[in-house]
Amino acid sequence: MNRGRREVLGPGRLVLQVQDSPEGTPLQDGRWGLSARTAFQPGVWTEDFVRDWPGGCLGLYCGGGWHGILPLRRLSASDSSRVKAYRKHVRDGTLAPVLLWWVGHLDGWLILDGHDRAVAALAEGRVPECVVLTRVSDEEAWRREAEEIAERHEQRMAGLGTDRQRAVLERAHADTLASLPYEVGSTPFLPLPGGRAAWDDLAARAVFQCPGD
């Protein structure tokens, strides 16, 4: 994979321009952000952490959004040998972070790497430290939006009289433009090989594995 340009935004935050991304990974060509995250809203790693796999239930229709954590495999028991080893790292402060992927259509995160590390941290009463992978706006898109915002800004400035009003608006305009290159973009998806027939087959097998009550 040719990552192309790299933008360092300060401690714990990085943006990569991905080119020629390999198949079989969540990455597609474009701009992706990596950022450290150590704090989450209450309930993200408790009520909204899906522990039942593959038959978990996602609360996607609540008014404030879901913002939960979805594993991609069955979670290990908190007393398994691998998790026990990681729990020692939690207590020593040497546990590697969990890699999460923010998926916009899901309104939550997938665990790409670190399922057992997450279980270990939670078993020790800690919120797992994480690195979050996020798709951010492509350069062409954010520059186009910046031009539209600049045009509206000039129109507003023309109608203001006091220096104080102009200074406040200028500061807000600068903050908006500075954030545009790093706003979360839509999560890209590829069509399922095999189309509807393949989807129906996957759904049928999932229902067989997780029959209803």
C-alpha atoms as a PDB file:
ATOM      1  CA  MET A   1       0.000   0.000   0.000  1.00  0.00           C
ATOM      2  CA  ASN A   2       1.282   3.457  -0.913  1.00  0.00           C
ATOM      3  CA  ARG A   3       0.207   5.795   1.857  1.00  0.00           C
ATOM      4  CA  GLY A   4       1.267   8.959   0.041  1.00  0.00           C
ATOM      5  CA  ARG A   5       1.128  12.141   2.080  1.00  0.00           C
ATOM      6  CA  ARG A   6       1.097  12.086   5.861  1.00  0.00           C
ATOM      7  CA  GLU A   7      -0.179  14.908   8.065  1.00  0.00           C
ATOM      8  CA  VAL A   8       0.796  15.010  11.735  1.00  0.00           C
ATOM      9  CA  LEU A   9      -1.749  17.035  13.717  1.00  0.00           C
ATOM     10  CA  GLY A  10      -0.153  16.910  17.133  1.00  0.00           C
ATOM     11  CA  PRO A  11       0.242  14.210  19.802  1.00  0.00           C
ATOM     12  CA  GLY A  12      -1.996  11.219  19.168  1.00  0.00           C
ATOM     13  CA  ARG A  13      -3.455  12.341  15.825  1.00  0.00           C
ATOM     14  CA  LEU A  14      -2.399  11.547  12.264  1.00  0.00           C
ATOM     15  CA  VAL A  15      -3.948  11.746   8.784  1.00  0.00           C
ATOM     16  CA  LEU A  16      -2.825   9.453   5.944  1.00  0.00           C
ATOM     17  CA  GLN A  17      -3.535   9.787   2.236  1.00  0.00           C
ATOM     18  CA  VAL A  18      -4.064   6.175   1.147  1.00  0.00           C
ATOM     19  CA  GLN A  19      -3.402   5.127  -2.440  1.00  0.00           C
ATOM     20  CA  ASP A  20      -3.550   1.690  -4.062  1.00  0.00           C
ATOM     21  CA  SER A  21      -5.081   0.123  -0.969  1.00  0.00           C
ATOM     22  CA  PRO A  22      -5.015  -3.699  -0.862  1.00  0.00           C
ATOM     23  CA  GLU A  23      -8.133  -5.825  -0.973  1.00  0.00           C
ATOM     24  CA  GLY A  24      -9.438  -7.404   2.208  1.00  0.00           C
ATOM     25  CA  THR A  25      -8.921  -4.341   4.425  1.00  0.00           C
ATOM     26  CA  PRO A  26     -11.346  -1.599   5.543  1.00  0.00           C
ATOM     27  CA  LEU A  27      -9.119   1.002   3.887  1.00  0.00           C
ATOM     28  CA  GLN A  28      -9.982   2.432   0.507  1.00  0.00           C
ATOM     29  CA  ASP A  29      -8.149   5.141  -1.374  1.00  0.00           C
ATOM     30  CA  GLY A  30      -8.603   8.531   0.277  1.00  0.00           C
ATOM     31  CA  ARG A  31      -7.790  10.357   3.486  1.00  0.00           C
ATOM     32  CA  TRP A  32      -7.943   8.463   6.772  1.00  0.00           C
ATOM     33  CA  GLY A  33      -7.393   9.708  10.290  1.00  0.00           C
ATOM     34  CA  LEU A  34      -5.810   7.882  13.217  1.00  0.00           C
ATOM     35  CA  SER A  35      -6.364   9.404  16.629  1.00  0.00           C
ATOM     36  CA  ALA A  36      -5.782   8.281  20.196  1.00  0.00           C
ATOM     37  CA  ARG A  37      -8.884   8.054  22.379  1.00  0.00           C
ATOM     38  CA  THR A  38      -8.949   7.360  26.089  1.00  0.00           C
ATOM     39  CA  ALA A  39     -12.388   8.706  27.072  1.00  0.00           C
ATOM     40  CA  PHE A  40     -15.861   7.702  25.855  1.00  0.00           C
ATOM     41  CA  GLN A  41     -19.412   8.679  26.708  1.00  0.00           C
ATOM     42  CA  PRO A  42     -20.895   6.776  29.674  1.00  0.00           C
ATOM     43  CA  GLY A  43     -22.313   3.428  28.640  1.00  0.00           C
ATOM     44  CA  VAL A  44     -20.293   2.971  25.432  1.00  0.00           C
ATOM     45  CA  TRP A  45     -18.146   0.160  26.888  1.00  0.00           C
ATOM     46  CA  THR A  46     -20.906  -1.224  29.146  1.00  0.00           C
ATOM     47  CA  GLU A  47     -24.510  -1.058  27.911  1.00  0.00           C
ATOM     48  CA  ASP A  48     -23.524  -0.514  24.249  1.00  0.00           C
ATOM     49  CA  PHE A  49     -20.625  -2.958  24.090  1.00  0.00           C
ATOM     50  CA  VAL A  50     -21.999  -5.984  22.213  1.00  0.00           C
ATOM     51  CA  ARG A  51     -20.830  -9.056  24.119  1.00  0.00           C
ATOM     52  CA  ASP A  52     -23.212 -11.606  22.524  1.00  0.00           C
ATOM     53  CA  TRP A  53     -21.741 -12.716  19.195  1.00  0.00           C
ATOM     54  CA  PRO A  54     -22.967 -13.234  16.567  1.00  0.00           C
ATOM     55  CA  GLY A  55     -26.468 -12.764  17.973  1.00  0.00           C
ATOM     56  CA  GLY A  56     -26.160  -9.332  19.593  1.00  0.00           C
ATOM     57  CA  CYS A  57     -28.772  -6.590  19.387  1.00  0.00           C
ATOM     58  CA  LEU A  58     -27.833  -3.021  18.426  1.00  0.00           C
ATOM     59  CA  GLY A  59     -29.889  -0.128  19.783  1.00  0.00           C
ATOM     60  CA  LEU A  60     -29.659   1.829  16.530  1.00  0.00           C
ATOM     61  CA  TYR A  61     -32.958   3.669  16.800  1.00  0.00           C
ATOM     62  CA  CYS A  62     -32.471   5.644  19.986  1.00  0.00           C
ATOM     63  CA  GLY A  63     -32.782   9.397  19.567  1.00  0.00           C
ATOM     64  CA  GLY A  64     -29.176  10.292  20.369  1.00  0.00           C
ATOM     65  CA  GLY A  65     -27.551   7.677  18.142  1.00  0.00           C
ATOM     66  CA  TRP A  66     -26.008   4.376  19.131  1.00  0.00           C
ATOM     67  CA  HIS A  67     -22.261   5.024  19.556  1.00  0.00           C
ATOM     68  CA  GLY A  68     -21.532   1.469  20.673  1.00  0.00           C
ATOM     69  CA  ILE A  69     -18.734  -1.058  20.178  1.00  0.00           C
ATOM     70  CA  LEU A  70     -19.189  -4.105  17.953  1.00  0.00           C
ATOM     71  CA  PRO A  71     -16.654  -6.994  17.992  1.00  0.00           C
ATOM     72  CA  LEU A  72     -15.862  -8.910  14.819  1.00  0.00           C
ATOM     73  CA  ARG A  73     -15.467 -12.258  16.579  1.00  0.00           C
ATOM     74  CA  ARG A  74     -16.609 -14.038  19.709  1.00  0.00           C
ATOM     75  CA  LEU A  75     -15.096 -12.503  22.835  1.00  0.00           C
ATOM     76  CA  SER A  76     -12.801 -14.567  25.051  1.00  0.00           C
ATOM     77  CA  ALA A  77     -13.709 -15.225  28.666  1.00  0.00           C
ATOM     78  CA  SER A  78     -12.206 -12.831  31.199  1.00  0.00           C
ATOM     79  CA  ASP A  79     -10.443 -15.790  32.900  1.00  0.00           C
ATOM     80  CA  SER A  80      -8.928 -17.250  29.708  1.00  0.00           C
ATOM     81  CA  SER A  81      -5.139 -17.542  29.694  1.00  0.00           C
ATOM     82  CA  ARG A  82      -4.620 -14.902  27.002  1.00  0.00           C
ATOM     83  CA  VAL A  83      -6.883 -12.367  28.718  1.00  0.00           C
ATOM     84  CA  LYS A  84      -5.218 -13.066  32.079  1.00  0.00           C
ATOM     85  CA  ALA A  85      -1.856 -12.200  30.526  1.00  0.00           C
ATOM     86  CA  TYR A  86      -3.267  -8.951  29.180  1.00  0.00           C
ATOM     87  CA  ARG A  87      -4.833  -8.110  32.543  1.00  0.00           C
ATOM     88  CA  LYS A  88      -1.340  -7.989  34.022  1.00  0.00           C
ATOM     89  CA  HIS A  89      -0.379  -5.485  31.328  1.00  0.00           C
ATOM     90  CA  VAL A  90      -3.445  -3.416  32.274  1.00  0.00           C
ATOM     91  CA  ARG A  91      -2.313  -3.289  35.903  1.00  0.00           C
ATOM     92  CA  ASP A  92       1.250  -2.449  34.838  1.00  0.00           C
ATOM     93  CA  GLY A  93       0.092   0.276  32.444  1.00  0.00           C
ATOM     94  CA  THR A  94       1.730  -1.427  29.448  1.00  0.00           C
ATOM     95  CA  LEU A  95      -1.317  -2.655  27.506  1.00  0.00           C
ATOM     96  CA  ALA A  96      -1.306  -1.796  23.804  1.00  0.00           C
ATOM     97  CA  PRO A  97      -4.353   0.198  22.613  1.00  0.00           C
ATOM     98  CA  VAL A  98      -7.389  -1.345  20.957  1.00  0.00           C
ATOM     99  CA  LEU A  99      -7.834  -0.451  17.270  1.00  0.00           C
ATOM    100  CA  LEU A 100     -11.363   0.755  16.507  1.00  0.00           C
ATOM    101  CA  TRP A 101     -12.900   1.710  13.167  1.00  0.00           C
ATOM    102  CA  TRP A 102     -15.645   4.347  13.181  1.00  0.00           C
ATOM    103  CA  VAL A 103     -18.399   3.281  10.745  1.00  0.00           C
ATOM    104  CA  GLY A 104     -20.807   6.106   9.999  1.00  0.00           C
ATOM    105  CA  HIS A 105     -23.720   3.996   8.741  1.00  0.00           C
ATOM    106  CA  LEU A 106     -23.502   1.875  11.882  1.00  0.00           C
ATOM    107  CA  ASP A 107     -23.161   4.940  14.137  1.00  0.00           C
ATOM    108  CA  GLY A 108     -20.580   3.067  16.157  1.00  0.00           C
ATOM    109  CA  TRP A 109     -17.170   1.420  16.202  1.00  0.00           C
ATOM    110  CA  LEU A 110     -15.943  -1.987  15.059  1.00  0.00           C
ATOM    111  CA  ILE A 111     -13.009  -3.622  16.846  1.00  0.00           C
ATOM    112  CA  LEU A 112     -10.393  -4.286  14.175  1.00  0.00           C
ATOM    113  CA  ASP A 113      -7.687  -5.452  16.568  1.00  0.00           C
ATOM    114  CA  GLY A 114      -7.537  -5.981  20.306  1.00  0.00           C
ATOM    115  CA  HIS A 115     -10.638  -7.983  21.267  1.00  0.00           C
ATOM    116  CA  ASP A 116      -8.823  -9.718  24.138  1.00  0.00           C
ATOM    117  CA  ARG A 117      -7.135  -6.481  25.223  1.00  0.00           C
ATOM    118  CA  ALA A 118     -10.544  -4.822  25.468  1.00  0.00           C
ATOM    119  CA  VAL A 119     -11.907  -7.677  27.587  1.00  0.00           C
ATOM    120  CA  ALA A 120      -8.828  -7.490  29.834  1.00  0.00           C
ATOM    121  CA  ALA A 121      -9.151  -3.745  30.416  1.00  0.00           C
ATOM    122  CA  LEU A 122     -12.856  -4.026  31.219  1.00  0.00           C
ATOM    123  CA  ALA A 123     -12.205  -6.955  33.574  1.00  0.00           C
ATOM    124  CA  GLU A 124      -9.819  -4.686  35.481  1.00  0.00           C
ATOM    125  CA  GLY A 125     -12.445  -1.948  35.688  1.00  0.00           C
ATOM    126  CA  ARG A 126     -10.757   0.262  33.082  1.00  0.00           C
ATOM    127  CA  VAL A 127     -11.947   1.826  29.839  1.00  0.00           C
ATOM    128  CA  PRO A 128      -9.656   0.472  27.102  1.00  0.00           C
ATOM    129  CA  GLU A 129      -7.256   2.957  25.602  1.00  0.00           C
ATOM    130  CA  CYS A 130      -7.916   3.048  21.875  1.00  0.00           C
ATOM    131  CA  VAL A 131      -6.686   4.240  18.518  1.00  0.00           C
ATOM    132  CA  VAL A 132      -9.589   5.148  16.230  1.00  0.00           C
ATOM    133  CA  LEU A 133      -9.488   4.832  12.440  1.00  0.00           C
ATOM    134  CA  THR A 134     -11.837   7.292  10.716  1.00  0.00           C
ATOM    135  CA  ARG A 135     -12.482   8.261   7.108  1.00  0.00           C
ATOM    136  CA  VAL A 136     -12.009  12.026   6.748  1.00  0.00           C
ATOM    137  CA  SER A 137     -13.070  14.324   3.927  1.00  0.00           C
ATOM    138  CA  ASP A 138     -11.187  14.060   0.652  1.00  0.00           C
ATOM    139  CA  GLU A 139      -9.200  17.135  -0.334  1.00  0.00           C
ATOM    140  CA  GLU A 140     -11.375  18.004  -3.327  1.00  0.00           C
ATOM    141  CA  ALA A 141     -14.541  17.848  -1.208  1.00  0.00           C
ATOM    142  CA  TRP A 142     -13.300  19.969   1.703  1.00  0.00           C
ATOM    143  CA  ARG A 143     -11.748  22.571  -0.595  1.00  0.00           C
ATOM    144  CA  ARG A 144     -15.037  22.895  -2.475  1.00  0.00           C
ATOM    145  CA  GLU A 145     -16.881  23.354   0.806  1.00  0.00           C
ATOM    146  CA  ALA A 146     -14.279  25.897   1.936  1.00  0.00           C
ATOM    147  CA  GLU A 147     -14.918  27.996  -1.169  1.00  0.00           C
ATOM    148  CA  GLU A 148     -18.666  27.982  -0.523  1.00  0.00           C
ATOM    149  CA  ILE A 149     -18.163  28.945   3.129  1.00  0.00           C
ATOM    150  CA  ALA A 150     -15.751  31.747   2.154  1.00  0.00           C
ATOM    151  CA  GLU A 151     -18.295  33.191  -0.270  1.00  0.00           C
ATOM    152  CA  ARG A 152     -21.036  33.222   2.382  1.00  0.00           C
ATOM    153  CA  HIS A 153     -18.577  34.706   4.889  1.00  0.00           C
ATOM    154  CA  GLU A 154     -17.813  37.648   2.603  1.00  0.00           C
ATOM    155  CA  GLN A 155     -21.518  38.344   2.234  1.00  0.00           C
ATOM    156  CA  ARG A 156     -22.014  38.389   6.009  1.00  0.00           C
ATOM    157  CA  MET A 157     -18.976  40.586   6.576  1.00  0.00           C
ATOM    158  CA  ALA A 158     -20.310  43.171   4.148  1.00  0.00           C
ATOM    159  CA  GLY A 159     -23.375  43.678   6.359  1.00  0.00           C
ATOM    160  CA  LEU A 160     -21.517  44.151   9.651  1.00  0.00           C
ATOM    161  CA  GLY A 161     -20.639  47.538  11.054  1.00  0.00           C
ATOM    162  CA  THR A 162     -18.661  47.225  14.313  1.00  0.00           C
ATOM    163  CA  ASP A 163     -15.107  46.000  14.644  1.00  0.00           C
ATOM    164  CA  ARG A 164     -16.138  43.663  17.465  1.00  0.00           C
ATOM    165  CA  GLN A 165     -18.743  41.917  15.309  1.00  0.00           C
ATOM    166  CA  ARG A 166     -16.268  41.552  12.477  1.00  0.00           C
ATOM    167  CA  ALA A 167     -13.579  40.130  14.784  1.00  0.00           C
ATOM    168  CA  VAL A 168     -15.959  37.515  16.224  1.00  0.00           C
ATOM    169  CA  LEU A 169     -17.111  36.442  12.776  1.00  0.00           C
ATOM    170  CA  GLU A 170     -13.541  36.299  11.448  1.00  0.00           C
ATOM    171  CA  ARG A 171     -12.497  34.031  14.318  1.00  0.00           C
ATOM    172  CA  ALA A 172     -15.464  31.695  13.772  1.00  0.00           C
ATOM    173  CA  HIS A 173     -14.714  31.615  10.049  1.00  0.00           C
ATOM    174  CA  ALA A 174     -11.056  30.717  10.654  1.00  0.00           C
ATOM    175  CA  ASP A 175     -11.991  27.947  13.113  1.00  0.00           C
ATOM    176  CA  THR A 176     -14.463  26.480  10.622  1.00  0.00           C
ATOM    177  CA  LEU A 177     -11.947  26.446   7.762  1.00  0.00           C
ATOM    178  CA  ALA A 178      -9.269  24.889   9.984  1.00  0.00           C
ATOM    179  CA  SER A 179     -11.541  21.976  10.899  1.00  0.00           C
ATOM    180  CA  LEU A 180     -12.784  21.174   7.383  1.00  0.00           C
ATOM    181  CA  PRO A 181      -9.865  18.947   6.263  1.00  0.00           C
ATOM    182  CA  TYR A 182     -10.367  16.692   9.282  1.00  0.00           C
ATOM    183  CA  GLU A 183     -14.142  16.349   9.494  1.00  0.00           C
ATOM    184  CA  VAL A 184     -15.476  12.801   9.507  1.00  0.00           C
ATOM    185  CA  GLY A 185     -16.486  11.683   6.030  1.00  0.00           C
ATOM    186  CA  SER A 186     -18.896   8.979   4.953  1.00  0.00           C
ATOM    187  CA  THR A 187     -17.699   5.402   5.382  1.00  0.00           C
ATOM    188  CA  PRO A 188     -17.161   3.793   1.954  1.00  0.00           C
ATOM    189  CA  PHE A 189     -18.452   0.317   1.226  1.00  0.00           C
ATOM    190  CA  LEU A 190     -17.964  -2.080  -1.668  1.00  0.00           C
ATOM    191  CA  PRO A 191     -20.767  -4.183  -3.190  1.00  0.00           C
ATOM    192  CA  LEU A 192     -20.991  -7.702  -1.791  1.00  0.00           C
ATOM    193  CA  PRO A 193     -19.541 -10.181  -4.320  1.00  0.00           C
ATOM    194  CA  GLY A 194     -22.398 -12.329  -5.528  1.00  0.00           C
ATOM    195  CA  GLY A 195     -25.028  -9.642  -5.011  1.00  0.00           C
ATOM    196  CA  ARG A 196     -28.428 -10.381  -3.496  1.00  0.00           C
ATOM    197  CA  ALA A 197     -28.058 -14.161  -3.703  1.00  0.00           C
ATOM    198  CA  ALA A 198     -24.898 -14.037  -1.597  1.00  0.00           C
ATOM    199  CA  TRP A 199     -26.600 -11.749   0.928  1.00  0.00           C
ATOM    200  CA  ASP A 200     -29.618 -14.052   1.214  1.00  0.00           C
ATOM    201  CA  ASP A 201     -27.277 -16.997   1.812  1.00  0.00           C
ATOM    202  CA  LEU A 202     -25.390 -15.116   4.562  1.00  0.00           C
ATOM    203  CA  ALA A 203     -28.651 -14.042   6.194  1.00  0.00           C
ATOM    204  CA  ALA A 204     -30.056 -17.576   6.122  1.00  0.00           C
ATOM    205  CA  ARG A 205     -26.949 -18.993   7.771  1.00  0.00           C
ATOM    206  CA  ALA A 206     -26.997 -16.253  10.421  1.00  0.00           C
ATOM    207  CA  VAL A 207     -30.616 -17.027  11.281  1.00  0.00           C
ATOM    208  CA  PHE A 208     -29.732 -20.714  11.573  1.00  0.00           C
ATOM    209  CA  GLN A 209     -26.849 -19.895  13.951  1.00  0.00           C
ATOM    210  CA  CYS A 210     -28.930 -17.438  15.998  1.00  0.00           C
ATOM    211  CA  PRO A 211     -32.546 -18.666  15.913  1.00  0.00           C
ATOM    212  CA  GLY A 212     -35.227 -16.439  17.373  1.00  0.00           C
ATOM    213  CA  ASP A 213     -36.877 -17.097  20.713  1.00  0.00           C
END
